[in-house]
PDB file of N, CA and C in Angstrom:
ATOM      1  N   MET A   1      88.608  98.707  96.864  1.00  0.00           N
ATOM      2  CA  MET A   1      89.950  98.607  96.917  1.00  0.00           C
ATOM      3  C   MET A   1      91.063  97.976  96.756  1.00  0.00           C
ATOM      4  N   ALA A   2      90.757  96.974  95.463  1.00  0.00           N
ATOM      5  CA  ALA A   2      91.233  96.169  95.267  1.00  0.00           C
ATOM      6  C   ALA A   2      92.579  96.897  93.772  1.00  0.00           C
ATOM      7  N   ASN A   3      92.242  97.866  93.553  1.00  0.00           N
ATOM      8  CA  ASN A   3      93.476  98.045  92.878  1.00  0.00           C
ATOM      9  C   ASN A   3      93.788 100.210  93.220  1.00  0.00           C
ATOM     10  N   ASP A   4      93.846  99.960  95.275  1.00  0.00           N
ATOM     11  CA  ASP A   4      94.314 100.763  95.456  1.00  0.00           C
ATOM     12  C   ASP A   4      95.634 100.728  95.863  1.00  0.00           C
ATOM     13  N   HIS A   5      96.472 101.380  94.935  1.00  0.00           N
ATOM     14  CA  HIS A   5      97.610 101.249  95.340  1.00  0.00           C
ATOM     15  C   HIS A   5      98.281 102.451  96.249  1.00  0.00           C
ATOM     16  N   ARG A   6      97.538 103.368  97.040  1.00  0.00           N
ATOM     17  CA  ARG A   6      97.720 104.219  98.306  1.00  0.00           C
ATOM     18  C   ARG A   6      98.124 103.552  99.288  1.00  0.00           C
ATOM     19  N   PRO A   7      99.477 104.627 100.204  1.00  0.00           N
ATOM     20  CA  PRO A   7      99.885 104.025 101.119  1.00  0.00           C
ATOM     21  C   PRO A   7      98.376 103.889 102.353  1.00  0.00           C
ATOM     22  N   LEU A   8      98.699 103.205 103.114  1.00  0.00           N
ATOM     23  CA  LEU A   8      98.171 103.239 104.585  1.00  0.00           C
ATOM     24  C   LEU A   8      98.025 104.718 105.217  1.00  0.00           C
ATOM     25  N   LEU A   9      99.096 105.316 105.807  1.00  0.00           N
ATOM     26  CA  LEU A   9      99.369 106.176 105.864  1.00  0.00           C
ATOM     27  C   LEU A   9     100.203 107.101 105.616  1.00  0.00           C
ATOM     28  N   PRO A  10      99.049 107.722 104.908  1.00  0.00           N
ATOM     29  CA  PRO A  10      99.614 109.250 104.162  1.00  0.00           C
ATOM     30  C   PRO A  10     100.850 109.844 104.578  1.00  0.00           C
ATOM     31  N   GLU A  11     101.110 110.101 105.396  1.00  0.00           N
ATOM     32  CA  GLU A  11     102.314 110.982 105.554  1.00  0.00           C
ATOM     33  C   GLU A  11     103.556 109.660 105.366  1.00  0.00           C
ATOM     34  N   SER A  12     103.548 108.511 105.208  1.00  0.00           N
ATOM     35  CA  SER A  12     104.457 107.726 104.206  1.00  0.00           C
ATOM     36  C   SER A  12     104.764 107.340 103.268  1.00  0.00           C
ATOM     37  N   GLU A  13     103.973 108.434 102.221  1.00  0.00           N
ATOM     38  CA  GLU A  13     104.228 108.774 100.841  1.00  0.00           C
ATOM     39  C   GLU A  13     105.567 109.625 100.299  1.00  0.00           C
ATOM     40  N   ARG A  14     105.949 110.470 101.020  1.00  0.00           N
ATOM     41  CA  ARG A  14     107.142 111.105 100.396  1.00  0.00           C
ATOM     42  C   ARG A  14     107.946 109.998 100.685  1.00  0.00           C
ATOM     43  N   ALA A  15     108.159 109.117 102.070  1.00  0.00           N
ATOM     44  CA  ALA A  15     109.398 108.580 102.183  1.00  0.00           C
ATOM     45  C   ALA A  15     109.528 107.257 101.110  1.00  0.00           C
ATOM     46  N   LEU A  16     107.866 106.837 100.506  1.00  0.00           N
ATOM     47  CA  LEU A  16     108.073 105.568 100.007  1.00  0.00           C
ATOM     48  C   LEU A  16     108.994 106.135  98.744  1.00  0.00           C
ATOM     49  N   ASP A  17     108.562 107.640  98.504  1.00  0.00           N
ATOM     50  CA  ASP A  17     109.154 107.704  96.847  1.00  0.00           C
ATOM     51  C   ASP A  17     110.322 108.270  96.514  1.00  0.00           C
ATOM     52  N   ARG A  18     111.081 108.753  97.920  1.00  0.00           N
ATOM     53  CA  ARG A  18     112.425 108.447  98.246  1.00  0.00           C
ATOM     54  C   ARG A  18     113.178 107.080  98.097  1.00  0.00           C
ATOM     55  N   LEU A  19     112.444 105.994  98.650  1.00  0.00           N
ATOM     56  CA  LEU A  19     113.351 104.980  97.941  1.00  0.00           C
ATOM     57  C   LEU A  19     112.635 104.273  97.312  1.00  0.00           C
ATOM     58  N   LYS A  20     111.693 104.968  96.436  1.00  0.00           N
ATOM     59  CA  LYS A  20     111.688 103.889  95.481  1.00  0.00           C
ATOM     60  C   LYS A  20     113.006 104.726  94.058  1.00  0.00           C
ATOM     61  N   TYR A  21     113.064 106.092  94.161  1.00  0.00           N
ATOM     62  CA  TYR A  21     114.562 106.757  93.281  1.00  0.00           C
ATOM     63  C   TYR A  21     115.746 105.996  94.153  1.00  0.00           C
ATOM     64  N   GLU A  22     116.033 105.759  95.004  1.00  0.00           N
ATOM     65  CA  GLU A  22     116.897 105.329  95.744  1.00  0.00           C
ATOM     66  C   GLU A  22     117.397 104.034  95.613  1.00  0.00           C
ATOM     67  N   VAL A  23     116.302 103.417  94.976  1.00  0.00           N
ATOM     68  CA  VAL A  23     116.179 101.993  94.633  1.00  0.00           C
ATOM     69  C   VAL A  23     116.761 101.872  93.781  1.00  0.00           C
ATOM     70  N   ALA A  24     115.867 102.693  92.208  1.00  0.00           N
ATOM     71  CA  ALA A  24     115.876 103.133  91.111  1.00  0.00           C
ATOM     72  C   ALA A  24     117.133 103.416  90.644  1.00  0.00           C
ATOM     73  N   GLU A  25     118.394 104.510  91.526  1.00  0.00           N
ATOM     74  CA  GLU A  25     118.921 104.688  91.158  1.00  0.00           C
ATOM     75  C   GLU A  25     120.523 103.402  91.559  1.00  0.00           C
ATOM     76  N   ASP A  26     120.145 102.644  92.636  1.00  0.00           N
ATOM     77  CA  ASP A  26     120.710 101.628  92.506  1.00  0.00           C
ATOM     78  C   ASP A  26     120.733 100.737  91.628  1.00  0.00           C
ATOM     79  N   LEU A  27     119.749 100.560  91.332  1.00  0.00           N
ATOM     80  CA  LEU A  27     119.519  99.691  90.187  1.00  0.00           C
ATOM     81  C   LEU A  27     119.869 100.312  88.368  1.00  0.00           C
ATOM     82  N   GLY A  28     120.559 101.324  88.398  1.00  0.00           N
ATOM     83  CA  GLY A  28     121.462 101.791  87.068  1.00  0.00           C
ATOM     84  C   GLY A  28     119.553 102.046  86.525  1.00  0.00           C
ATOM     85  N   LEU A  29     118.813 102.695  86.392  1.00  0.00           N
ATOM     86  CA  LEU A  29     117.781 102.660  85.793  1.00  0.00           C
ATOM     87  C   LEU A  29     116.872 104.482  86.144  1.00  0.00           C
ATOM     88  N   ASP A  30     118.037 105.210  86.787  1.00  0.00           N
ATOM     89  CA  ASP A  30     117.131 106.751  87.318  1.00  0.00           C
ATOM     90  C   ASP A  30     117.400 107.729  85.997  1.00  0.00           C
ATOM     91  N   ASP A  31     118.408 107.639  84.957  1.00  0.00           N
ATOM     92  CA  ASP A  31     118.396 107.775  84.023  1.00  0.00           C
ATOM     93  C   ASP A  31     116.903 107.836  82.859  1.00  0.00           C
ATOM     94  N   ASP A  32     116.494 106.498  82.881  1.00  0.00           N
ATOM     95  CA  ASP A  32     115.784 105.837  82.171  1.00  0.00           C
ATOM     96  C   ASP A  32     114.424 106.747  82.559  1.00  0.00           C
ATOM     97  N   ILE A  33     114.528 107.183  84.236  1.00  0.00           N
ATOM     98  CA  ILE A  33     113.312 107.525  84.220  1.00  0.00           C
ATOM     99  C   ILE A  33     112.993 108.939  84.131  1.00  0.00           C
ATOM    100  N   GLN A  34     114.689 109.209  83.839  1.00  0.00           N
ATOM    101  CA  GLN A  34     114.605 110.810  83.500  1.00  0.00           C
ATOM    102  C   GLN A  34     114.382 111.485  82.807  1.00  0.00           C
ATOM    103  N   GLU A  35     114.866 110.055  80.909  1.00  0.00           N
ATOM    104  CA  GLU A  35     114.729 110.565  79.528  1.00  0.00           C
ATOM    105  C   GLU A  35     113.593 110.112  79.513  1.00  0.00           C
ATOM    106  N   LYS A  36     113.142 109.059  80.168  1.00  0.00           N
ATOM    107  CA  LYS A  36     111.347 108.546  79.628  1.00  0.00           C
ATOM    108  C   LYS A  36     110.085 108.498  80.057  1.00  0.00           C
ATOM    109  N   GLY A  37     109.970 109.029  81.723  1.00  0.00           N
ATOM    110  CA  GLY A  37     109.322 108.579  83.167  1.00  0.00           C
ATOM    111  C   GLY A  37     109.063 108.016  83.025  1.00  0.00           C
ATOM    112  N   TRP A  38     108.268 107.711  84.775  1.00  0.00           N
ATOM    113  CA  TRP A  38     107.497 106.608  84.837  1.00  0.00           C
ATOM    114  C   TRP A  38     107.165 105.775  84.456  1.00  0.00           C
ATOM    115  N   ALA A  39     105.842 106.749  83.315  1.00  0.00           N
ATOM    116  CA  ALA A  39     104.870 105.967  81.908  1.00  0.00           C
ATOM    117  C   ALA A  39     105.063 105.235  81.544  1.00  0.00           C
ATOM    118  N   ASN A  40     106.177 105.408  81.049  1.00  0.00           N
ATOM    119  CA  ASN A  40     107.182 104.739  79.271  1.00  0.00           C
ATOM    120  C   ASN A  40     108.539 103.655  80.235  1.00  0.00           C
ATOM    121  N   MET A  41     108.522 103.569  80.896  1.00  0.00           N
ATOM    122  CA  MET A  41     108.970 102.143  82.267  1.00  0.00           C
ATOM    123  C   MET A  41     108.393 101.011  81.235  1.00  0.00           C
ATOM    124  N   THR A  42     109.361  99.941  81.454  1.00  0.00           N
ATOM    125  CA  THR A  42     109.016  98.871  80.688  1.00  0.00           C
ATOM    126  C   THR A  42     108.521  97.693  82.380  1.00  0.00           C
ATOM    127  N   THR A  43     107.302  97.329  82.126  1.00  0.00           N
ATOM    128  CA  THR A  43     107.072  96.582  83.283  1.00  0.00           C
ATOM    129  C   THR A  43     108.134  95.749  84.286  1.00  0.00           C
ATOM    130  N   ARG A  44     108.762  95.180  83.337  1.00  0.00           N
ATOM    131  CA  ARG A  44     109.864  94.625  84.223  1.00  0.00           C
ATOM    132  C   ARG A  44     111.462  94.966  85.052  1.00  0.00           C
ATOM    133  N   GLN A  45     111.279  96.988  83.925  1.00  0.00           N
ATOM    134  CA  GLN A  45     112.180  97.503  84.935  1.00  0.00           C
ATOM    135  C   GLN A  45     111.680  97.796  86.655  1.00  0.00           C
ATOM    136  N   VAL A  46     109.730  98.407  86.326  1.00  0.00           N
ATOM    137  CA  VAL A  46     109.541  98.283  87.197  1.00  0.00           C
ATOM    138  C   VAL A  46     109.176  98.321  88.370  1.00  0.00           C
ATOM    139  N   GLY A  47     108.764  96.569  87.916  1.00  0.00           N
ATOM    140  CA  GLY A  47     108.544  95.608  88.859  1.00  0.00           C
ATOM    141  C   GLY A  47     110.068  94.840  89.435  1.00  0.00           C
ATOM    142  N   LYS A  48     111.474  95.160  88.768  1.00  0.00           N
ATOM    143  CA  LYS A  48     112.681  95.608  89.347  1.00  0.00           C
ATOM    144  C   LYS A  48     112.683  96.032  90.666  1.00  0.00           C
ATOM    145  N   ILE A  49     111.907  97.456  90.386  1.00  0.00           N
ATOM    146  CA  ILE A  49     112.595  98.503  91.643  1.00  0.00           C
ATOM    147  C   ILE A  49     111.385  97.869  92.835  1.00  0.00           C
ATOM    148  N   GLY A  50     110.422  97.856  92.425  1.00  0.00           N
ATOM    149  CA  GLY A  50     108.909  97.469  93.473  1.00  0.00           C
ATOM    150  C   GLY A  50     109.831  95.986  94.648  1.00  0.00           C
ATOM    151  N   GLY A  51     109.771  95.131  93.318  1.00  0.00           N
ATOM    152  CA  GLY A  51     110.361  93.915  94.233  1.00  0.00           C
ATOM    153  C   GLY A  51     111.621  94.888  95.418  1.00  0.00           C
ATOM    154  N   ASN A  52     112.700  95.329  94.809  1.00  0.00           N
ATOM    155  CA  ASN A  52     113.623  95.873  95.469  1.00  0.00           C
ATOM    156  C   ASN A  52     113.344  96.544  96.699  1.00  0.00           C
ATOM    157  N   MET A  53     112.287  97.323  96.457  1.00  0.00           N
ATOM    158  CA  MET A  53     111.509  97.739  97.444  1.00  0.00           C
ATOM    159  C   MET A  53     111.101  97.461  98.555  1.00  0.00           C
ATOM    160  N   VAL A  54     110.127  96.503  98.284  1.00  0.00           N
ATOM    161  CA  VAL A  54     109.742  95.133  99.138  1.00  0.00           C
ATOM    162  C   VAL A  54     110.634  94.392  99.779  1.00  0.00           C
ATOM    163  N   ARG A  55     111.727  94.244  99.384  1.00  0.00           N
ATOM    164  CA  ARG A  55     112.980  92.819  99.990  1.00  0.00           C
ATOM    165  C   ARG A  55     113.989  94.617 101.214  1.00  0.00           C
ATOM    166  N   ARG A  56     113.642  95.576 100.988  1.00  0.00           N
ATOM    167  CA  ARG A  56     114.311  96.563 101.427  1.00  0.00           C
ATOM    168  C   ARG A  56     113.279  96.914 102.410  1.00  0.00           C
ATOM    169  N   LEU A  57     112.484  97.322 102.842  1.00  0.00           N
ATOM    170  CA  LEU A  57     110.976  97.113 103.551  1.00  0.00           C
ATOM    171  C   LEU A  57     111.303  95.816 104.603  1.00  0.00           C
ATOM    172  N   ILE A  58     111.589  94.518 104.473  1.00  0.00           N
ATOM    173  CA  ILE A  58     111.176  93.948 105.205  1.00  0.00           C
ATOM    174  C   ILE A  58     112.094  93.690 105.976  1.00  0.00           C
ATOM    175  N   LYS A  59     113.960  94.025 104.983  1.00  0.00           N
ATOM    176  CA  LYS A  59     114.764  94.459 106.133  1.00  0.00           C
ATOM    177  C   LYS A  59     114.637  94.857 107.447  1.00  0.00           C
ATOM    178  N   ARG A  60     113.635  95.815 106.648  1.00  0.00           N
ATOM    179  CA  ARG A  60     113.837  97.298 107.479  1.00  0.00           C
ATOM    180  C   ARG A  60     112.662  96.996 108.811  1.00  0.00           C
ATOM    181  N   ALA A  61     111.840  95.688 108.736  1.00  0.00           N
ATOM    182  CA  ALA A  61     111.009  95.498 110.022  1.00  0.00           C
ATOM    183  C   ALA A  61     111.406  94.508 110.317  1.00  0.00           C
ATOM    184  N   GLU A  62     111.743  93.988 109.998  1.00  0.00           N
ATOM    185  CA  GLU A  62     112.771  92.392 110.718  1.00  0.00           C
ATOM    186  C   GLU A  62     114.137  93.124 111.361  1.00  0.00           C
ATOM    187  N   ARG A  63     114.609  94.586 110.825  1.00  0.00           N
ATOM    188  CA  ARG A  63     115.634  94.372 111.901  1.00  0.00           C
ATOM    189  C   ARG A  63     114.929  95.510 113.208  1.00  0.00           C
ATOM    190  N   ASP A  64     113.866  96.110 112.523  1.00  0.00           N
ATOM    191  CA  ASP A  64     112.981  96.679 114.350  1.00  0.00           C
ATOM    192  C   ASP A  64     112.728  95.575 114.687  1.00  0.00           C
ATOM    193  N   LEU A  65     111.899  94.583 114.646  1.00  0.00           N
ATOM    194  CA  LEU A  65     111.470  93.557 115.490  1.00  0.00           C
ATOM    195  C   LEU A  65     112.316  93.183 116.476  1.00  0.00           C
ATOM    196  N   ALA A  66     114.118  92.626 115.305  1.00  0.00           N
ATOM    197  CA  ALA A  66     114.526  92.614 116.128  1.00  0.00           C
ATOM    198  C   ALA A  66     115.093  93.689 117.435  1.00  0.00           C
ATOM    199  N   GLU A  67     115.540  94.202 117.150  1.00  0.00           N
ATOM    200  CA  GLU A  67     115.385  95.576 118.253  1.00  0.00           C
ATOM    201  C   GLU A  67     114.178  95.249 119.642  1.00  0.00           C
ATOM    202  N   ASP A  68     112.756  94.815 119.515  1.00  0.00           N
ATOM    203  CA  ASP A  68     112.091  95.562 119.963  1.00  0.00           C
ATOM    204  C   ASP A  68     111.877  94.136 120.964  1.00  0.00           C
ATOM    205  N   GLU A  69     112.659  92.865 121.044  1.00  0.00           N
ATOM    206  CA  GLU A  69     112.616  91.885 121.852  1.00  0.00           C
ATOM    207  C   GLU A  69     113.342  91.568 122.293  1.00  0.00           C
TER     208      GLU A  69
END
């Protein structure tokens, strides 16, 4: 399972894809994705998208946890 990047909950895959494109658009990388495709994006570009996705997911989790208290 070392290289298994599938979501733990398969039903969340669509939401994660939407988030990925939302982040890419916010970073101004959506045009590059449309022109080049994901396979031809640089490691830096893809890492930037992934890093920002993680930040947003952490913020959402923190907000959800704060609401539960």
